[in-house]
Amino acid sequence: MKIIIGYESYHGNTRTMAYALERGAREAGAETLIRNIRQIKPFDIKSADVVIVATPTYHQNSILAARQLSC
């Protein structure tokens, strides 16, 4: 199983959580790719079985890069 984890983090907390998810998935036997959300390409998304997006929220909204992520 291939898992893509995209994250955006202003202060490092969301990045830390994304890497914890990635470590757990890898230990469970998954193939993983973790990147800042701005570095994920449409091909990465299309080739994945699972896509996880980890972003902070601000005033109940996700950041613009997460809302624009598409394949």
Protein backbone atom coordinates (compact mmCIF):
# COMPACT_ATOMS: atom_id res chain seq x y z
CA MET A 1 0.00 0.00 0.00
CA LYS A 2 1.34 3.44 -0.94
CA ILE A 3 0.50 6.34 1.38
CA ILE A 4 1.17 9.98 0.55
CA ILE A 5 1.27 12.43 3.46
CA GLY A 6 1.19 16.11 2.67
CA TYR A 7 1.58 18.68 5.42
CA GLU A 8 1.80 22.39 5.99
CA SER A 9 3.02 23.68 9.31
CA TYR A 10 3.53 27.21 10.57
CA HIS A 11 5.17 26.41 13.91
CA GLY A 12 6.23 22.77 13.42
CA ASN A 13 3.44 21.03 15.33
CA THR A 14 1.56 19.74 12.29
CA ARG A 15 4.84 18.65 10.70
CA THR A 16 5.68 16.65 13.82
CA MET A 17 2.28 14.92 13.69
CA ALA A 18 2.67 14.19 9.96
CA TYR A 19 6.04 12.53 10.56
CA ALA A 20 4.54 10.48 13.40
CA LEU A 21 1.83 9.25 11.01
CA GLU A 22 4.45 8.44 8.40
CA ARG A 23 6.57 6.49 10.87
CA GLY A 24 3.58 4.45 12.02
CA ALA A 25 2.51 3.68 8.46
CA ARG A 26 6.05 2.64 7.51
CA GLU A 27 6.34 0.40 10.57
CA ALA A 28 3.05 -1.25 9.54
CA GLY A 29 4.58 -2.09 6.16
CA ALA A 30 3.28 0.70 3.94
CA GLU A 31 5.34 2.47 1.32
CA THR A 32 5.25 6.15 2.28
CA LEU A 33 6.03 9.52 0.78
CA ILE A 34 5.92 12.62 2.98
CA ARG A 35 6.23 16.13 1.59
CA ASN A 36 5.26 19.70 2.26
CA ILE A 37 1.87 20.03 0.61
CA ARG A 38 3.27 22.54 -1.89
CA GLN A 39 5.75 19.92 -3.16
CA ILE A 40 3.20 17.20 -3.92
CA LYS A 41 2.60 16.65 -7.61
CA PRO A 42 -0.58 15.32 -9.25
CA PHE A 43 1.31 12.14 -10.20
CA ASP A 44 2.04 11.48 -6.50
CA ILE A 45 -1.66 11.65 -5.68
CA LYS A 46 -2.74 9.49 -8.60
CA SER A 47 -0.22 6.80 -7.74
CA ALA A 48 -1.24 6.58 -4.07
CA ASP A 49 -3.69 4.23 -2.41
CA VAL A 50 -4.19 6.66 0.49
CA VAL A 51 -3.63 10.42 0.69
CA ILE A 52 -3.40 12.14 4.06
CA VAL A 53 -3.41 15.93 4.27
CA ALA A 54 -2.27 17.45 7.56
CA THR A 55 -2.71 21.20 7.89
CA PRO A 56 -3.31 23.71 10.61
CA THR A 57 -6.59 25.59 10.64
CA TYR A 58 -7.12 29.28 11.09
CA HIS A 59 -10.58 30.61 11.95
CA GLN A 60 -12.04 27.18 11.08
CA ASN A 61 -10.52 27.15 7.58
CA SER A 62 -7.68 25.08 6.19
CA ILE A 63 -4.84 26.85 4.48
CA LEU A 64 -5.14 27.80 0.82
CA ALA A 65 -2.53 25.26 -0.38
CA ALA A 66 -4.63 22.42 1.05
CA ARG A 67 -7.80 23.68 -0.57
CA GLN A 68 -6.03 23.95 -3.94
CA LEU A 69 -4.53 20.45 -3.81
CA SER A 70 -5.90 18.35 -6.67
CA CYS A 71 -4.89 15.66 -9.08
